[in-house]
N, C-alpha and C. Protein backbone atom coordinates (compact mmCIF):
# COMPACT_ATOMS: atom_id res chain seq x y z
N MET A 1 2.52 -51.80 -20.49
CA MET A 1 3.30 -52.61 -19.57
C MET A 1 3.16 -52.03 -18.17
N SER A 2 3.14 -52.91 -17.21
CA SER A 2 2.97 -52.46 -15.84
C SER A 2 4.30 -51.98 -15.26
N ALA A 3 4.19 -51.05 -14.31
CA ALA A 3 5.40 -50.48 -13.71
C ALA A 3 6.09 -51.47 -12.78
N THR A 4 5.30 -52.26 -12.03
CA THR A 4 5.89 -53.15 -11.05
C THR A 4 5.74 -54.62 -11.42
N GLY A 5 4.84 -54.91 -12.33
CA GLY A 5 4.55 -56.31 -12.65
C GLY A 5 3.53 -56.91 -11.69
N LEU A 6 3.08 -56.12 -10.73
CA LEU A 6 2.09 -56.57 -9.76
C LEU A 6 0.87 -55.66 -9.85
N GLN A 7 -0.26 -56.24 -10.19
CA GLN A 7 -1.46 -55.44 -10.43
C GLN A 7 -1.86 -54.60 -9.22
N ASN A 8 -1.80 -55.15 -8.01
CA ASN A 8 -2.19 -54.39 -6.82
C ASN A 8 -1.29 -53.18 -6.60
N LEU A 9 0.01 -53.35 -6.79
CA LEU A 9 0.93 -52.22 -6.60
C LEU A 9 0.77 -51.19 -7.71
N ASP A 10 0.59 -51.65 -8.94
CA ASP A 10 0.37 -50.70 -10.04
C ASP A 10 -0.88 -49.87 -9.79
N SER A 11 -1.93 -50.53 -9.31
CA SER A 11 -3.17 -49.82 -8.99
C SER A 11 -2.95 -48.83 -7.86
N ALA A 12 -2.17 -49.22 -6.86
CA ALA A 12 -1.89 -48.33 -5.73
C ALA A 12 -1.12 -47.10 -6.18
N VAL A 13 -0.14 -47.29 -7.05
CA VAL A 13 0.63 -46.15 -7.57
C VAL A 13 -0.29 -45.23 -8.37
N GLN A 14 -1.17 -45.82 -9.16
CA GLN A 14 -2.10 -45.02 -9.96
C GLN A 14 -3.02 -44.19 -9.04
N LYS A 15 -3.57 -44.81 -8.00
CA LYS A 15 -4.45 -44.07 -7.07
C LYS A 15 -3.69 -42.96 -6.36
N PHE A 16 -2.47 -43.25 -5.97
CA PHE A 16 -1.62 -42.24 -5.31
C PHE A 16 -1.43 -41.04 -6.23
N ASN A 17 -1.15 -41.32 -7.49
CA ASN A 17 -0.97 -40.23 -8.46
C ASN A 17 -2.25 -39.45 -8.69
N VAL A 18 -3.39 -40.12 -8.67
CA VAL A 18 -4.68 -39.43 -8.82
C VAL A 18 -4.87 -38.46 -7.66
N TRP A 19 -4.59 -38.91 -6.44
CA TRP A 19 -4.74 -38.05 -5.27
C TRP A 19 -3.80 -36.85 -5.36
N LEU A 20 -2.55 -37.09 -5.73
CA LEU A 20 -1.59 -35.97 -5.82
C LEU A 20 -1.98 -34.99 -6.92
N LYS A 21 -2.45 -35.50 -8.04
CA LYS A 21 -2.88 -34.62 -9.13
C LYS A 21 -4.08 -33.79 -8.67
N ASP A 22 -5.01 -34.42 -7.99
CA ASP A 22 -6.18 -33.73 -7.47
C ASP A 22 -5.75 -32.63 -6.50
N LEU A 23 -4.81 -32.94 -5.63
CA LEU A 23 -4.33 -31.94 -4.67
C LEU A 23 -3.58 -30.82 -5.39
N ASP A 24 -2.78 -31.16 -6.39
CA ASP A 24 -2.11 -30.14 -7.21
C ASP A 24 -3.14 -29.15 -7.76
N GLU A 25 -4.23 -29.66 -8.29
CA GLU A 25 -5.27 -28.81 -8.89
C GLU A 25 -5.93 -27.93 -7.84
N ARG A 26 -6.21 -28.50 -6.68
CA ARG A 26 -6.84 -27.72 -5.62
C ARG A 26 -5.93 -26.58 -5.14
N LEU A 27 -4.63 -26.86 -5.12
CA LEU A 27 -3.67 -25.87 -4.65
C LEU A 27 -3.17 -24.96 -5.77
N ARG A 28 -3.62 -25.23 -6.98
CA ARG A 28 -3.29 -24.42 -8.16
C ARG A 28 -1.78 -24.32 -8.37
N TRP A 29 -1.13 -25.49 -8.33
CA TRP A 29 0.27 -25.57 -8.66
C TRP A 29 0.49 -26.90 -9.36
N ASP A 30 1.65 -27.11 -9.88
CA ASP A 30 1.99 -28.35 -10.56
C ASP A 30 3.30 -28.86 -9.97
N ASP A 31 3.20 -29.36 -8.74
CA ASP A 31 4.41 -29.80 -8.04
C ASP A 31 4.03 -30.96 -7.12
N ARG A 32 4.13 -32.18 -7.65
CA ARG A 32 3.74 -33.37 -6.88
C ARG A 32 4.52 -33.49 -5.59
N ARG A 33 5.77 -33.05 -5.60
CA ARG A 33 6.60 -33.13 -4.39
C ARG A 33 5.99 -32.29 -3.27
N LYS A 34 5.57 -31.07 -3.61
CA LYS A 34 4.94 -30.21 -2.61
C LYS A 34 3.58 -30.76 -2.18
N SER A 35 2.82 -31.29 -3.12
CA SER A 35 1.51 -31.86 -2.77
C SER A 35 1.67 -33.07 -1.86
N TYR A 36 2.67 -33.88 -2.14
CA TYR A 36 2.96 -35.03 -1.27
C TYR A 36 3.28 -34.54 0.14
N ALA A 37 4.12 -33.51 0.26
CA ALA A 37 4.49 -32.99 1.58
C ALA A 37 3.28 -32.44 2.32
N VAL A 38 2.40 -31.73 1.61
CA VAL A 38 1.18 -31.18 2.22
C VAL A 38 0.28 -32.32 2.69
N LEU A 39 0.07 -33.31 1.83
CA LEU A 39 -0.78 -34.44 2.18
C LEU A 39 -0.23 -35.15 3.42
N LYS A 40 1.06 -35.41 3.41
CA LYS A 40 1.70 -36.14 4.51
C LYS A 40 1.57 -35.40 5.83
N VAL A 41 1.93 -34.14 5.87
CA VAL A 41 1.91 -33.40 7.12
C VAL A 41 0.49 -33.22 7.64
N THR A 42 -0.47 -33.05 6.75
CA THR A 42 -1.85 -32.88 7.19
C THR A 42 -2.42 -34.21 7.69
N LEU A 43 -2.15 -35.30 6.98
CA LEU A 43 -2.60 -36.61 7.46
C LEU A 43 -2.01 -36.91 8.83
N HIS A 44 -0.75 -36.58 9.04
CA HIS A 44 -0.12 -36.83 10.34
C HIS A 44 -0.76 -35.98 11.43
N ALA A 45 -1.10 -34.75 11.12
CA ALA A 45 -1.75 -33.88 12.10
C ALA A 45 -3.13 -34.42 12.47
N ILE A 46 -3.88 -34.89 11.47
CA ILE A 46 -5.18 -35.50 11.74
C ILE A 46 -4.99 -36.76 12.59
N ARG A 47 -4.11 -37.63 12.13
CA ARG A 47 -3.85 -38.91 12.79
C ARG A 47 -3.53 -38.72 14.27
N ASP A 48 -2.74 -37.73 14.56
CA ASP A 48 -2.30 -37.53 15.94
C ASP A 48 -3.40 -37.00 16.85
N HIS A 49 -4.52 -36.57 16.28
CA HIS A 49 -5.67 -36.15 17.08
C HIS A 49 -6.67 -37.29 17.31
N LEU A 50 -6.47 -38.41 16.65
CA LEU A 50 -7.42 -39.51 16.73
C LEU A 50 -6.96 -40.58 17.72
N THR A 51 -7.94 -41.32 18.24
CA THR A 51 -7.60 -42.49 19.05
C THR A 51 -7.01 -43.55 18.13
N VAL A 52 -6.38 -44.55 18.72
CA VAL A 52 -5.80 -45.63 17.93
C VAL A 52 -6.89 -46.34 17.11
N ASN A 53 -8.03 -46.62 17.72
CA ASN A 53 -9.11 -47.31 17.00
C ASN A 53 -9.64 -46.47 15.85
N GLN A 54 -9.90 -45.19 16.10
CA GLN A 54 -10.42 -44.33 15.04
C GLN A 54 -9.40 -44.18 13.92
N SER A 55 -8.14 -44.11 14.28
CA SER A 55 -7.08 -44.01 13.29
C SER A 55 -7.08 -45.23 12.38
N ALA A 56 -7.27 -46.40 12.96
CA ALA A 56 -7.30 -47.64 12.17
C ALA A 56 -8.51 -47.66 11.23
N HIS A 57 -9.67 -47.20 11.71
CA HIS A 57 -10.86 -47.16 10.85
C HIS A 57 -10.66 -46.21 9.68
N PHE A 58 -10.09 -45.04 9.96
CA PHE A 58 -9.84 -44.05 8.93
C PHE A 58 -8.84 -44.58 7.90
N SER A 59 -7.75 -45.15 8.38
CA SER A 59 -6.70 -45.61 7.46
C SER A 59 -7.18 -46.72 6.54
N ALA A 60 -8.16 -47.48 6.99
CA ALA A 60 -8.69 -48.57 6.16
C ALA A 60 -9.32 -48.04 4.87
N GLN A 61 -9.71 -46.78 4.86
CA GLN A 61 -10.32 -46.20 3.67
C GLN A 61 -9.31 -45.49 2.77
N LEU A 62 -8.08 -45.42 3.22
CA LEU A 62 -7.05 -44.77 2.41
C LEU A 62 -6.45 -45.75 1.42
N PRO A 63 -6.10 -45.29 0.23
CA PRO A 63 -5.39 -46.16 -0.72
C PRO A 63 -4.08 -46.66 -0.10
N LEU A 64 -3.61 -47.79 -0.56
CA LEU A 64 -2.46 -48.49 0.01
C LEU A 64 -1.25 -47.59 0.29
N ILE A 65 -0.79 -46.87 -0.69
CA ILE A 65 0.41 -46.04 -0.50
C ILE A 65 0.13 -44.89 0.45
N ILE A 66 -1.04 -44.30 0.35
CA ILE A 66 -1.38 -43.19 1.24
C ILE A 66 -1.53 -43.70 2.67
N ARG A 67 -2.00 -44.92 2.84
CA ARG A 67 -2.07 -45.53 4.17
C ARG A 67 -0.67 -45.66 4.77
N GLY A 68 0.29 -46.03 3.95
CA GLY A 68 1.67 -46.10 4.43
C GLY A 68 2.20 -44.75 4.83
N VAL A 69 1.90 -43.73 4.05
CA VAL A 69 2.30 -42.36 4.37
C VAL A 69 1.66 -41.94 5.70
N TYR A 70 0.41 -42.28 5.86
CA TYR A 70 -0.35 -41.94 7.06
C TYR A 70 0.32 -42.49 8.32
N TYR A 71 0.78 -43.73 8.25
CA TYR A 71 1.36 -44.38 9.42
C TYR A 71 2.86 -44.11 9.61
N GLU A 72 3.51 -43.51 8.64
CA GLU A 72 4.95 -43.25 8.75
C GLU A 72 5.26 -42.44 10.01
N GLY A 73 6.14 -42.97 10.84
CA GLY A 73 6.58 -42.26 12.03
C GLY A 73 5.59 -42.23 13.19
N TRP A 74 4.51 -42.98 13.09
CA TRP A 74 3.46 -42.95 14.11
C TRP A 74 3.92 -43.61 15.39
N VAL A 75 3.60 -42.98 16.52
CA VAL A 75 3.86 -43.55 17.84
C VAL A 75 2.51 -43.61 18.56
N PRO A 76 1.83 -44.76 18.53
CA PRO A 76 0.48 -44.86 19.10
C PRO A 76 0.38 -44.46 20.57
N SER A 77 1.45 -44.63 21.33
CA SER A 77 1.39 -44.27 22.75
C SER A 77 1.32 -42.76 22.97
N ARG A 78 1.53 -41.97 21.94
CA ARG A 78 1.50 -40.50 22.06
C ARG A 78 0.20 -39.87 21.55
N VAL A 79 -0.78 -40.69 21.25
CA VAL A 79 -2.03 -40.15 20.71
C VAL A 79 -3.20 -40.49 21.61
N PRO A 80 -4.27 -39.70 21.57
CA PRO A 80 -4.40 -38.46 20.81
C PRO A 80 -3.71 -37.29 21.53
N VAL A 81 -3.23 -36.35 20.72
CA VAL A 81 -2.61 -35.16 21.28
C VAL A 81 -3.69 -34.29 21.91
N LYS A 82 -3.28 -33.43 22.80
CA LYS A 82 -4.25 -32.62 23.54
C LYS A 82 -4.39 -31.20 23.02
N GLU A 83 -3.65 -30.85 21.95
CA GLU A 83 -3.76 -29.48 21.45
C GLU A 83 -5.19 -29.23 21.00
N ARG A 84 -5.72 -28.10 21.37
CA ARG A 84 -7.13 -27.78 21.09
C ARG A 84 -7.29 -26.53 20.24
N GLN A 85 -6.23 -25.77 20.07
CA GLN A 85 -6.31 -24.50 19.38
C GLN A 85 -5.93 -24.65 17.91
N LEU A 86 -6.63 -23.93 17.07
CA LEU A 86 -6.36 -23.97 15.64
C LEU A 86 -4.94 -23.50 15.34
N GLN A 87 -4.47 -22.50 16.05
CA GLN A 87 -3.12 -21.99 15.81
C GLN A 87 -2.07 -23.06 16.07
N GLN A 88 -2.28 -23.89 17.08
CA GLN A 88 -1.35 -25.00 17.36
C GLN A 88 -1.34 -25.98 16.19
N PHE A 89 -2.51 -26.24 15.63
CA PHE A 89 -2.63 -27.13 14.48
C PHE A 89 -1.86 -26.54 13.30
N TYR A 90 -2.07 -25.26 13.03
CA TYR A 90 -1.36 -24.57 11.95
C TYR A 90 0.15 -24.56 12.20
N ASP A 91 0.54 -24.34 13.45
CA ASP A 91 1.97 -24.33 13.77
C ASP A 91 2.59 -25.70 13.48
N HIS A 92 1.85 -26.76 13.77
CA HIS A 92 2.33 -28.11 13.47
C HIS A 92 2.53 -28.27 11.96
N ILE A 93 1.57 -27.82 11.19
CA ILE A 93 1.68 -27.90 9.72
C ILE A 93 2.89 -27.09 9.25
N ARG A 94 2.98 -25.87 9.71
CA ARG A 94 4.07 -24.98 9.29
C ARG A 94 5.43 -25.57 9.65
N HIS A 95 5.55 -26.13 10.85
CA HIS A 95 6.82 -26.67 11.32
C HIS A 95 7.23 -27.94 10.57
N ASN A 96 6.25 -28.75 10.19
CA ASN A 96 6.55 -30.05 9.59
C ASN A 96 6.47 -30.09 8.07
N TYR A 97 6.00 -29.01 7.46
CA TYR A 97 5.93 -28.96 6.00
C TYR A 97 7.28 -28.50 5.47
N HIS A 98 7.92 -29.37 4.75
CA HIS A 98 9.25 -29.06 4.22
C HIS A 98 9.13 -28.73 2.73
N GLN A 99 9.52 -27.55 2.39
CA GLN A 99 9.48 -27.14 0.99
C GLN A 99 10.88 -26.78 0.54
N ALA A 100 11.00 -26.52 -0.72
CA ALA A 100 12.30 -26.21 -1.29
C ALA A 100 12.88 -24.96 -0.64
N PRO A 101 14.20 -24.91 -0.45
CA PRO A 101 14.82 -23.71 0.12
C PRO A 101 14.46 -22.49 -0.71
N GLY A 102 14.18 -21.42 -0.03
CA GLY A 102 13.83 -20.19 -0.73
C GLY A 102 12.39 -20.19 -1.21
N GLY A 103 11.63 -21.21 -0.83
CA GLY A 103 10.24 -21.29 -1.25
C GLY A 103 9.39 -20.20 -0.61
N GLU A 104 8.20 -20.06 -1.14
CA GLU A 104 7.30 -19.04 -0.64
C GLU A 104 6.86 -19.36 0.79
N LEU A 105 6.43 -18.32 1.49
CA LEU A 105 5.85 -18.54 2.80
C LEU A 105 4.57 -19.34 2.62
N ILE A 106 4.33 -20.26 3.52
CA ILE A 106 3.15 -21.09 3.36
C ILE A 106 1.97 -20.50 4.11
N ASP A 107 0.80 -20.78 3.61
CA ASP A 107 -0.45 -20.43 4.26
C ASP A 107 -1.04 -21.76 4.73
N PRO A 108 -0.83 -22.13 6.00
CA PRO A 108 -1.26 -23.44 6.44
C PRO A 108 -2.77 -23.65 6.31
N GLU A 109 -3.55 -22.60 6.45
CA GLU A 109 -5.00 -22.77 6.31
C GLU A 109 -5.34 -23.21 4.89
N ARG A 110 -4.75 -22.59 3.91
CA ARG A 110 -5.00 -22.94 2.50
C ARG A 110 -4.61 -24.40 2.24
N LEU A 111 -3.44 -24.80 2.74
CA LEU A 111 -2.97 -26.16 2.52
C LEU A 111 -3.89 -27.18 3.19
N VAL A 112 -4.22 -26.93 4.43
CA VAL A 112 -5.06 -27.86 5.19
C VAL A 112 -6.45 -27.96 4.58
N ARG A 113 -7.03 -26.84 4.22
CA ARG A 113 -8.37 -26.89 3.60
C ARG A 113 -8.36 -27.73 2.32
N ALA A 114 -7.32 -27.60 1.54
CA ALA A 114 -7.24 -28.38 0.30
C ALA A 114 -7.22 -29.88 0.60
N VAL A 115 -6.47 -30.28 1.62
CA VAL A 115 -6.43 -31.70 1.99
C VAL A 115 -7.77 -32.14 2.56
N PHE A 116 -8.41 -31.32 3.38
CA PHE A 116 -9.73 -31.68 3.91
C PHE A 116 -10.73 -31.88 2.78
N GLU A 117 -10.71 -31.00 1.79
CA GLU A 117 -11.61 -31.14 0.64
C GLU A 117 -11.29 -32.40 -0.15
N LEU A 118 -10.01 -32.69 -0.32
CA LEU A 118 -9.58 -33.91 -1.00
C LEU A 118 -10.14 -35.14 -0.27
N LEU A 119 -9.99 -35.16 1.04
CA LEU A 119 -10.50 -36.29 1.82
C LEU A 119 -12.02 -36.40 1.70
N ASN A 120 -12.70 -35.26 1.74
CA ASN A 120 -14.16 -35.28 1.58
C ASN A 120 -14.57 -35.94 0.27
N ASP A 121 -13.77 -35.75 -0.77
CA ASP A 121 -14.11 -36.29 -2.08
C ASP A 121 -13.69 -37.74 -2.28
N HIS A 122 -12.77 -38.24 -1.46
CA HIS A 122 -12.24 -39.59 -1.68
C HIS A 122 -12.55 -40.58 -0.57
N ILE A 123 -13.08 -40.11 0.55
CA ILE A 123 -13.40 -40.97 1.69
C ILE A 123 -14.91 -40.89 1.91
N SER A 124 -15.50 -41.96 2.41
CA SER A 124 -16.95 -41.96 2.61
C SER A 124 -17.36 -40.86 3.60
N ALA A 125 -18.54 -40.30 3.36
CA ALA A 125 -19.05 -39.23 4.22
C ALA A 125 -19.18 -39.70 5.66
N GLY A 126 -19.59 -40.94 5.87
CA GLY A 126 -19.72 -41.47 7.23
C GLY A 126 -18.40 -41.49 7.96
N GLU A 127 -17.34 -41.91 7.29
CA GLU A 127 -16.02 -41.94 7.93
C GLU A 127 -15.51 -40.53 8.19
N ILE A 128 -15.74 -39.62 7.26
CA ILE A 128 -15.34 -38.23 7.47
C ILE A 128 -16.07 -37.67 8.70
N ASP A 129 -17.37 -37.96 8.81
CA ASP A 129 -18.12 -37.48 9.98
C ASP A 129 -17.56 -38.07 11.27
N ASP A 130 -17.18 -39.36 11.24
CA ASP A 130 -16.58 -39.99 12.43
C ASP A 130 -15.28 -39.30 12.82
N ILE A 131 -14.44 -39.02 11.83
CA ILE A 131 -13.16 -38.36 12.09
C ILE A 131 -13.39 -36.97 12.65
N ARG A 132 -14.27 -36.24 11.99
CA ARG A 132 -14.54 -34.87 12.41
C ARG A 132 -15.06 -34.81 13.84
N SER A 133 -15.83 -35.84 14.25
CA SER A 133 -16.38 -35.85 15.60
C SER A 133 -15.31 -36.01 16.67
N GLU A 134 -14.13 -36.49 16.29
CA GLU A 134 -13.03 -36.70 17.24
C GLU A 134 -12.08 -35.50 17.31
N LEU A 135 -12.22 -34.57 16.39
CA LEU A 135 -11.28 -33.45 16.32
C LEU A 135 -11.76 -32.27 17.17
N PRO A 136 -10.83 -31.45 17.63
CA PRO A 136 -11.20 -30.25 18.37
C PRO A 136 -12.11 -29.34 17.53
N SER A 137 -13.02 -28.66 18.19
CA SER A 137 -13.97 -27.80 17.47
C SER A 137 -13.27 -26.73 16.65
N ALA A 138 -12.11 -26.27 17.08
CA ALA A 138 -11.39 -25.24 16.32
C ALA A 138 -11.01 -25.76 14.94
N ILE A 139 -10.62 -27.02 14.84
CA ILE A 139 -10.24 -27.60 13.55
C ILE A 139 -11.48 -27.83 12.68
N LEU A 140 -12.59 -28.17 13.31
CA LEU A 140 -13.83 -28.40 12.56
C LEU A 140 -14.29 -27.15 11.81
N LYS A 141 -13.92 -26.00 12.32
CA LYS A 141 -14.33 -24.75 11.68
C LYS A 141 -13.76 -24.62 10.27
N ILE A 142 -12.63 -25.27 10.00
CA ILE A 142 -12.03 -25.16 8.67
C ILE A 142 -12.23 -26.42 7.83
N TRP A 143 -12.80 -27.48 8.41
CA TRP A 143 -13.05 -28.72 7.66
C TRP A 143 -14.54 -28.79 7.35
N PRO A 144 -14.91 -28.51 6.12
CA PRO A 144 -16.35 -28.55 5.80
C PRO A 144 -16.88 -29.98 5.89
N ALA A 145 -18.11 -30.09 6.34
CA ALA A 145 -18.77 -31.40 6.35
C ALA A 145 -18.86 -31.87 4.91
N PRO A 146 -18.83 -33.18 4.66
CA PRO A 146 -18.86 -33.68 3.28
C PRO A 146 -20.04 -33.16 2.47
N ALA A 147 -21.19 -32.98 3.08
CA ALA A 147 -22.37 -32.49 2.36
C ALA A 147 -22.24 -31.03 1.96
N GLU A 148 -21.23 -30.33 2.50
CA GLU A 148 -21.06 -28.91 2.22
C GLU A 148 -20.17 -28.65 1.02
N THR A 149 -19.70 -29.71 0.36
CA THR A 149 -18.90 -29.54 -0.86
C THR A 149 -19.61 -30.23 -2.00
N ASP A 150 -19.26 -29.84 -3.21
CA ASP A 150 -19.97 -30.32 -4.40
C ASP A 150 -19.30 -31.51 -5.08
N GLY A 151 -18.33 -32.12 -4.46
CA GLY A 151 -17.63 -33.24 -5.09
C GLY A 151 -16.33 -32.81 -5.74
N GLY A 152 -16.12 -31.52 -5.83
CA GLY A 152 -14.88 -30.99 -6.37
C GLY A 152 -14.18 -30.13 -5.33
N GLY A 153 -14.64 -30.27 -4.07
CA GLY A 153 -14.03 -29.53 -2.99
C GLY A 153 -14.52 -28.11 -2.85
N ARG A 154 -15.45 -27.71 -3.72
CA ARG A 154 -15.96 -26.35 -3.66
C ARG A 154 -17.24 -26.35 -2.84
N PRO A 155 -17.55 -25.20 -2.20
CA PRO A 155 -18.79 -25.13 -1.43
C PRO A 155 -19.99 -25.52 -2.29
N SER A 156 -20.87 -26.29 -1.73
CA SER A 156 -22.06 -26.72 -2.45
C SER A 156 -23.08 -25.60 -2.50
N PRO A 157 -23.87 -25.53 -3.58
CA PRO A 157 -24.91 -24.51 -3.66
C PRO A 157 -25.93 -24.69 -2.54
N ARG A 158 -26.06 -25.91 -2.00
CA ARG A 158 -27.03 -26.14 -0.95
C ARG A 158 -26.48 -25.83 0.43
N ALA A 159 -25.17 -25.58 0.53
CA ALA A 159 -24.57 -25.32 1.85
C ALA A 159 -24.72 -23.87 2.22
């Protein structure tokens, strides 16, 4: 039996769960709530570095529910942001990632890399290259090009 009675929404929920499960595995935890928070804050950080047009092209490749997460709270008149330093990017992740009280200290690099690898595996290489070309060079240092991963987010033997 379907969860919503609507095939498109059921499919969207299923894809959303696939992405969260994949991110759980990459982060080596079993906490969809935390994976959702990591995905959301990282997508927002990426989104805010892109132009409105590039953001629209990127979002078109995201599954329905993740596209909604991507656009949540977006103010197009404030983009693209001008931060150029990797530490500023990490500070944004750290400040906006909400975890359970008393949770462990976060390693923003680990979280961001996992989302970048997830995107590499679920978004076309051409779109990833387009997005990467719009980001500050400091951020590119931690986002491997799609050809540099093996399809499971791990470095490729050819990279």
